[in-house]
Amino acid sequence: MSSTPPQTPQSRPSVHGLALTPLTQCQHYHSPLDIIAIQHFCCRKFYACISCHNALETHTSDVWPREKREEKAVLCGKCGHVLGIEEYMNSGSRCTECREGFNPGCKGHWGLYFEV
């Protein structure tokens, strides 16, 4: 029986942001639970937060359409697992791979990233 090997730092998607830590925290959000990065629909780049995106890009951020919820677009900064949008939204604020906790307050910002 084969299992998927854990992602190594080399295989993780590149994450963009201001004052990034290895866990994807940034200058805007840096609590121990702020360990996700979201791939933005507009540019397909992973950013630590929308404020980092807006500071570093010249275009306006677009939200992921509801019909794209199967897309792998949420990176766990702890283990490197990339969750599908629906998977993330139903995760109970935990990585579905390593079970590390995510900031439950991020739910209040979902409308900035995803069509809700």
N, C-alpha and C. Protein backbone atom coordinates (compact mmCIF):
# COMPACT_ATOMS: atom_id res chain seq x y z
N MET A 1 0.86 -1.17 0.00
CA MET A 1 0.00 0.00 0.00
C MET A 1 0.90 1.23 0.00
N SER A 2 0.68 2.12 -0.94
CA SER A 2 1.52 3.32 -1.00
C SER A 2 0.81 4.48 -0.32
N SER A 3 1.61 5.37 0.18
CA SER A 3 1.05 6.58 0.79
C SER A 3 1.73 7.77 0.15
N THR A 4 1.04 8.90 0.19
CA THR A 4 1.59 10.12 -0.37
C THR A 4 2.64 10.66 0.59
N PRO A 5 3.86 10.89 0.10
CA PRO A 5 4.88 11.43 1.01
C PRO A 5 4.54 12.86 1.41
N PRO A 6 4.97 13.28 2.60
CA PRO A 6 4.72 14.67 3.00
C PRO A 6 5.47 15.61 2.07
N GLN A 7 4.91 16.79 1.90
CA GLN A 7 5.57 17.77 1.04
C GLN A 7 6.82 18.29 1.73
N THR A 8 7.85 18.43 0.97
CA THR A 8 9.08 19.02 1.48
C THR A 8 9.03 20.50 1.21
N PRO A 9 9.85 21.28 1.90
CA PRO A 9 9.85 22.72 1.65
C PRO A 9 10.09 23.05 0.18
N GLN A 10 10.85 22.20 -0.54
CA GLN A 10 11.12 22.45 -1.95
C GLN A 10 9.87 22.25 -2.81
N SER A 11 8.95 21.37 -2.38
CA SER A 11 7.78 21.09 -3.19
C SER A 11 6.58 21.97 -2.84
N ARG A 12 6.70 22.77 -1.83
CA ARG A 12 5.61 23.67 -1.46
C ARG A 12 5.47 24.76 -2.51
N PRO A 13 4.26 25.22 -2.72
CA PRO A 13 4.10 26.39 -3.59
C PRO A 13 4.81 27.60 -2.98
N SER A 14 5.26 28.50 -3.81
CA SER A 14 5.84 29.75 -3.33
C SER A 14 4.74 30.58 -2.70
N VAL A 15 5.05 31.19 -1.57
CA VAL A 15 4.09 32.06 -0.89
C VAL A 15 4.66 33.46 -0.90
N HIS A 16 3.81 34.42 -1.22
CA HIS A 16 4.20 35.82 -1.29
C HIS A 16 3.59 36.56 -0.11
N GLY A 17 4.27 37.61 0.32
CA GLY A 17 3.75 38.42 1.40
C GLY A 17 4.83 39.28 2.01
N LEU A 18 4.45 40.06 2.99
CA LEU A 18 5.35 40.98 3.67
C LEU A 18 5.76 40.39 5.01
N ALA A 19 7.06 40.33 5.26
CA ALA A 19 7.64 39.81 6.51
C ALA A 19 7.16 38.39 6.79
N LEU A 20 7.26 37.51 5.78
CA LEU A 20 6.79 36.13 5.90
C LEU A 20 7.66 35.31 6.85
N THR A 21 7.01 34.43 7.58
CA THR A 21 7.70 33.42 8.37
C THR A 21 7.63 32.10 7.60
N PRO A 22 8.38 31.10 8.00
CA PRO A 22 8.29 29.79 7.34
C PRO A 22 6.91 29.14 7.44
N LEU A 23 6.10 29.57 8.41
CA LEU A 23 4.74 29.03 8.57
C LEU A 23 3.69 29.83 7.80
N THR A 24 4.09 30.80 7.02
CA THR A 24 3.25 31.68 6.18
C THR A 24 2.60 32.82 6.94
N GLN A 25 3.01 33.08 8.16
CA GLN A 25 2.51 34.27 8.85
C GLN A 25 3.13 35.50 8.18
N CYS A 26 2.47 36.64 8.29
CA CYS A 26 2.96 37.85 7.64
C CYS A 26 2.90 39.02 8.62
N GLN A 27 3.23 40.20 8.13
CA GLN A 27 3.22 41.37 9.01
C GLN A 27 1.81 41.72 9.46
N HIS A 28 0.79 41.30 8.71
CA HIS A 28 -0.59 41.63 9.06
C HIS A 28 -1.21 40.62 10.01
N TYR A 29 -0.91 39.33 9.80
CA TYR A 29 -1.48 38.25 10.59
C TYR A 29 -0.36 37.31 11.00
N HIS A 30 -0.07 37.26 12.30
CA HIS A 30 1.10 36.51 12.73
C HIS A 30 0.92 35.78 14.05
N SER A 31 -0.32 35.43 14.37
CA SER A 31 -0.54 34.62 15.57
C SER A 31 -0.12 33.18 15.27
N PRO A 32 -0.01 32.34 16.29
CA PRO A 32 0.34 30.93 16.04
C PRO A 32 -0.67 30.19 15.16
N LEU A 33 -1.89 30.72 15.05
CA LEU A 33 -2.92 30.08 14.22
C LEU A 33 -2.98 30.63 12.80
N ASP A 34 -2.24 31.69 12.51
CA ASP A 34 -2.26 32.30 11.18
C ASP A 34 -1.26 31.60 10.28
N ILE A 35 -1.59 30.36 9.91
CA ILE A 35 -0.63 29.53 9.19
C ILE A 35 -1.18 29.01 7.86
N ILE A 36 -2.03 29.79 7.22
CA ILE A 36 -2.46 29.40 5.87
C ILE A 36 -2.06 30.49 4.89
N ALA A 37 -1.94 30.08 3.66
CA ALA A 37 -1.79 31.00 2.55
C ALA A 37 -2.84 30.60 1.52
N ILE A 38 -3.43 31.58 0.88
CA ILE A 38 -4.50 31.31 -0.08
C ILE A 38 -4.05 31.71 -1.48
N GLN A 39 -4.27 30.79 -2.41
CA GLN A 39 -3.99 31.09 -3.81
C GLN A 39 -5.10 32.00 -4.31
N HIS A 40 -4.72 33.13 -4.86
CA HIS A 40 -5.70 34.09 -5.35
C HIS A 40 -6.16 33.71 -6.75
N PHE A 41 -7.45 33.78 -6.95
CA PHE A 41 -8.05 33.41 -8.23
C PHE A 41 -7.52 34.27 -9.37
N CYS A 42 -7.29 35.53 -9.11
CA CYS A 42 -6.89 36.48 -10.15
C CYS A 42 -5.52 36.20 -10.74
N CYS A 43 -4.55 35.86 -9.93
CA CYS A 43 -3.17 35.72 -10.40
C CYS A 43 -2.59 34.33 -10.15
N ARG A 44 -3.37 33.48 -9.45
CA ARG A 44 -2.94 32.11 -9.14
C ARG A 44 -1.68 32.06 -8.27
N LYS A 45 -1.40 33.13 -7.54
CA LYS A 45 -0.27 33.17 -6.62
C LYS A 45 -0.79 32.99 -5.20
N PHE A 46 -0.03 32.25 -4.39
CA PHE A 46 -0.35 32.10 -2.98
C PHE A 46 0.14 33.33 -2.22
N TYR A 47 -0.75 33.91 -1.43
CA TYR A 47 -0.41 35.05 -0.57
C TYR A 47 -0.80 34.73 0.86
N ALA A 48 -0.03 35.26 1.80
CA ALA A 48 -0.33 35.07 3.22
C ALA A 48 -1.66 35.71 3.60
N CYS A 49 -2.00 36.82 2.96
CA CYS A 49 -3.29 37.47 3.22
C CYS A 49 -3.61 38.43 2.08
N ILE A 50 -4.82 38.92 2.08
CA ILE A 50 -5.24 39.83 1.02
C ILE A 50 -4.51 41.18 1.11
N SER A 51 -4.16 41.60 2.31
CA SER A 51 -3.42 42.85 2.45
C SER A 51 -2.05 42.74 1.81
N CYS A 52 -1.40 41.59 1.96
CA CYS A 52 -0.11 41.37 1.28
C CYS A 52 -0.31 41.38 -0.23
N HIS A 53 -1.36 40.70 -0.72
CA HIS A 53 -1.66 40.70 -2.15
C HIS A 53 -1.81 42.13 -2.66
N ASN A 54 -2.62 42.89 -1.97
CA ASN A 54 -2.91 44.25 -2.43
C ASN A 54 -1.68 45.16 -2.37
N ALA A 55 -0.77 44.88 -1.44
CA ALA A 55 0.45 45.68 -1.33
C ALA A 55 1.46 45.34 -2.42
N LEU A 56 1.43 44.10 -2.90
CA LEU A 56 2.46 43.65 -3.83
C LEU A 56 2.01 43.49 -5.28
N GLU A 57 0.72 43.55 -5.53
CA GLU A 57 0.20 43.40 -6.90
C GLU A 57 -0.39 44.72 -7.39
N THR A 58 -0.48 44.85 -8.69
CA THR A 58 -1.05 46.07 -9.28
C THR A 58 -2.49 45.84 -9.75
N HIS A 59 -2.99 44.63 -9.64
CA HIS A 59 -4.36 44.33 -10.05
C HIS A 59 -5.25 44.12 -8.82
N THR A 60 -6.53 44.15 -9.05
CA THR A 60 -7.52 43.93 -7.99
C THR A 60 -7.71 42.43 -7.78
N SER A 61 -7.86 42.04 -6.56
CA SER A 61 -8.08 40.63 -6.23
C SER A 61 -9.48 40.20 -6.65
N ASP A 62 -9.58 39.00 -7.21
CA ASP A 62 -10.87 38.40 -7.56
C ASP A 62 -11.12 37.22 -6.64
N VAL A 63 -12.38 36.94 -6.36
CA VAL A 63 -12.74 35.80 -5.50
C VAL A 63 -12.89 34.54 -6.34
N TRP A 64 -12.66 33.39 -5.69
CA TRP A 64 -12.89 32.11 -6.34
C TRP A 64 -14.40 31.92 -6.51
N PRO A 65 -14.86 31.62 -7.72
CA PRO A 65 -16.30 31.37 -7.91
C PRO A 65 -16.74 30.11 -7.16
N ARG A 66 -17.97 30.10 -6.76
CA ARG A 66 -18.54 28.97 -6.00
C ARG A 66 -18.34 27.64 -6.73
N GLU A 67 -18.43 27.64 -8.05
CA GLU A 67 -18.30 26.39 -8.81
C GLU A 67 -16.86 25.86 -8.88
N LYS A 68 -15.91 26.58 -8.31
CA LYS A 68 -14.50 26.17 -8.30
C LYS A 68 -14.05 25.71 -6.92
N ARG A 69 -14.97 25.34 -6.07
CA ARG A 69 -14.62 24.99 -4.69
C ARG A 69 -13.79 23.71 -4.55
N GLU A 70 -13.68 22.93 -5.62
CA GLU A 70 -12.83 21.75 -5.55
C GLU A 70 -11.36 22.09 -5.79
N GLU A 71 -11.08 23.30 -6.25
CA GLU A 71 -9.70 23.72 -6.53
C GLU A 71 -8.84 23.71 -5.27
N LYS A 72 -7.63 23.20 -5.42
CA LYS A 72 -6.66 23.18 -4.31
C LYS A 72 -6.05 24.57 -4.21
N ALA A 73 -6.44 25.34 -3.20
CA ALA A 73 -6.06 26.75 -3.14
C ALA A 73 -5.72 27.25 -1.74
N VAL A 74 -5.65 26.37 -0.73
CA VAL A 74 -5.35 26.81 0.63
C VAL A 74 -4.19 25.97 1.16
N LEU A 75 -3.08 26.62 1.41
CA LEU A 75 -1.86 25.95 1.85
C LEU A 75 -1.74 25.97 3.37
N CYS A 76 -1.51 24.81 3.96
CA CYS A 76 -1.19 24.74 5.39
C CYS A 76 0.29 25.07 5.53
N GLY A 77 0.59 26.11 6.27
CA GLY A 77 1.97 26.51 6.47
C GLY A 77 2.76 25.57 7.35
N LYS A 78 2.08 24.74 8.10
CA LYS A 78 2.76 23.78 8.99
C LYS A 78 3.29 22.58 8.21
N CYS A 79 2.41 21.90 7.45
CA CYS A 79 2.83 20.66 6.78
C CYS A 79 2.97 20.78 5.27
N GLY A 80 2.45 21.85 4.69
CA GLY A 80 2.56 22.03 3.25
C GLY A 80 1.43 21.42 2.45
N HIS A 81 0.45 20.81 3.11
CA HIS A 81 -0.70 20.24 2.41
C HIS A 81 -1.52 21.37 1.79
N VAL A 82 -1.96 21.17 0.54
CA VAL A 82 -2.82 22.15 -0.11
C VAL A 82 -4.24 21.59 -0.13
N LEU A 83 -5.11 22.30 0.58
CA LEU A 83 -6.50 21.88 0.70
C LEU A 83 -7.33 22.46 -0.43
N GLY A 84 -8.36 21.72 -0.82
CA GLY A 84 -9.37 22.28 -1.71
C GLY A 84 -10.15 23.33 -0.94
N ILE A 85 -10.77 24.24 -1.65
CA ILE A 85 -11.51 25.32 -0.99
C ILE A 85 -12.63 24.76 -0.13
N GLU A 86 -13.43 23.86 -0.69
CA GLU A 86 -14.53 23.24 0.07
C GLU A 86 -13.97 22.45 1.26
N GLU A 87 -12.89 21.73 1.02
CA GLU A 87 -12.23 20.98 2.09
C GLU A 87 -11.82 21.92 3.23
N TYR A 88 -11.23 23.05 2.88
CA TYR A 88 -10.84 24.05 3.88
C TYR A 88 -12.05 24.60 4.63
N MET A 89 -13.09 24.94 3.89
CA MET A 89 -14.27 25.54 4.51
C MET A 89 -14.97 24.56 5.46
N ASN A 90 -14.82 23.28 5.22
CA ASN A 90 -15.45 22.26 6.06
C ASN A 90 -14.48 21.62 7.05
N SER A 91 -13.30 22.19 7.21
CA SER A 91 -12.24 21.56 8.01
C SER A 91 -12.35 21.79 9.51
N GLY A 92 -13.26 22.65 9.94
CA GLY A 92 -13.33 22.96 11.36
C GLY A 92 -12.10 23.73 11.84
N SER A 93 -11.51 24.51 10.93
CA SER A 93 -10.33 25.33 11.22
C SER A 93 -9.13 24.48 11.64
N ARG A 94 -8.96 23.34 10.95
CA ARG A 94 -7.81 22.46 11.17
C ARG A 94 -7.35 21.91 9.83
N CYS A 95 -6.05 21.71 9.72
CA CYS A 95 -5.53 21.07 8.52
C CYS A 95 -6.06 19.64 8.45
N THR A 96 -6.53 19.24 7.30
CA THR A 96 -7.06 17.89 7.14
C THR A 96 -5.94 16.85 7.08
N GLU A 97 -4.72 17.27 6.93
CA GLU A 97 -3.58 16.36 6.87
C GLU A 97 -2.89 16.25 8.23
N CYS A 98 -2.37 17.37 8.76
CA CYS A 98 -1.58 17.31 10.01
C CYS A 98 -2.40 17.67 11.25
N ARG A 99 -3.63 18.16 11.06
CA ARG A 99 -4.56 18.53 12.15
C ARG A 99 -4.16 19.78 12.92
N GLU A 100 -3.16 20.52 12.42
CA GLU A 100 -2.77 21.78 13.06
C GLU A 100 -3.95 22.75 12.97
N GLY A 101 -4.14 23.56 14.01
CA GLY A 101 -5.24 24.50 14.05
C GLY A 101 -4.99 25.74 13.19
N PHE A 102 -6.05 26.19 12.53
CA PHE A 102 -6.04 27.45 11.77
C PHE A 102 -6.85 28.48 12.56
N ASN A 103 -6.63 29.73 12.26
CA ASN A 103 -7.34 30.82 12.93
C ASN A 103 -8.83 30.76 12.55
N PRO A 104 -9.72 30.48 13.51
CA PRO A 104 -11.15 30.42 13.19
C PRO A 104 -11.71 31.77 12.77
N GLY A 105 -11.02 32.85 13.13
CA GLY A 105 -11.46 34.19 12.73
C GLY A 105 -11.35 34.43 11.24
N CYS A 106 -10.59 33.58 10.54
CA CYS A 106 -10.46 33.73 9.08
C CYS A 106 -11.81 33.57 8.38
N LYS A 107 -12.75 32.87 9.02
CA LYS A 107 -14.08 32.71 8.41
C LYS A 107 -14.71 34.07 8.12
N GLY A 108 -14.40 35.05 8.92
CA GLY A 108 -14.94 36.39 8.71
C GLY A 108 -14.39 37.08 7.47
N HIS A 109 -13.34 36.52 6.89
CA HIS A 109 -12.72 37.09 5.69
C HIS A 109 -12.96 36.25 4.45
N TRP A 110 -13.69 35.16 4.55
CA TRP A 110 -13.87 34.28 3.40
C TRP A 110 -14.40 35.01 2.19
N GLY A 111 -15.26 35.98 2.38
CA GLY A 111 -15.84 36.72 1.26
C GLY A 111 -14.81 37.52 0.47
N LEU A 112 -13.62 37.74 1.03
CA LEU A 112 -12.56 38.43 0.30
C LEU A 112 -11.83 37.50 -0.66
N TYR A 113 -11.98 36.19 -0.44
CA TYR A 113 -11.26 35.18 -1.22
C TYR A 113 -12.17 34.28 -2.04
N PHE A 114 -13.34 33.99 -1.48
CA PHE A 114 -14.25 33.00 -2.06
C PHE A 114 -15.64 33.59 -2.22
N GLU A 115 -16.33 33.21 -3.28
CA GLU A 115 -17.73 33.59 -3.42
C GLU A 115 -18.51 32.83 -2.35
N VAL A 116 -19.22 33.58 -1.50
CA VAL A 116 -19.96 32.95 -0.39
C VAL A 116 -21.44 33.18 -0.52
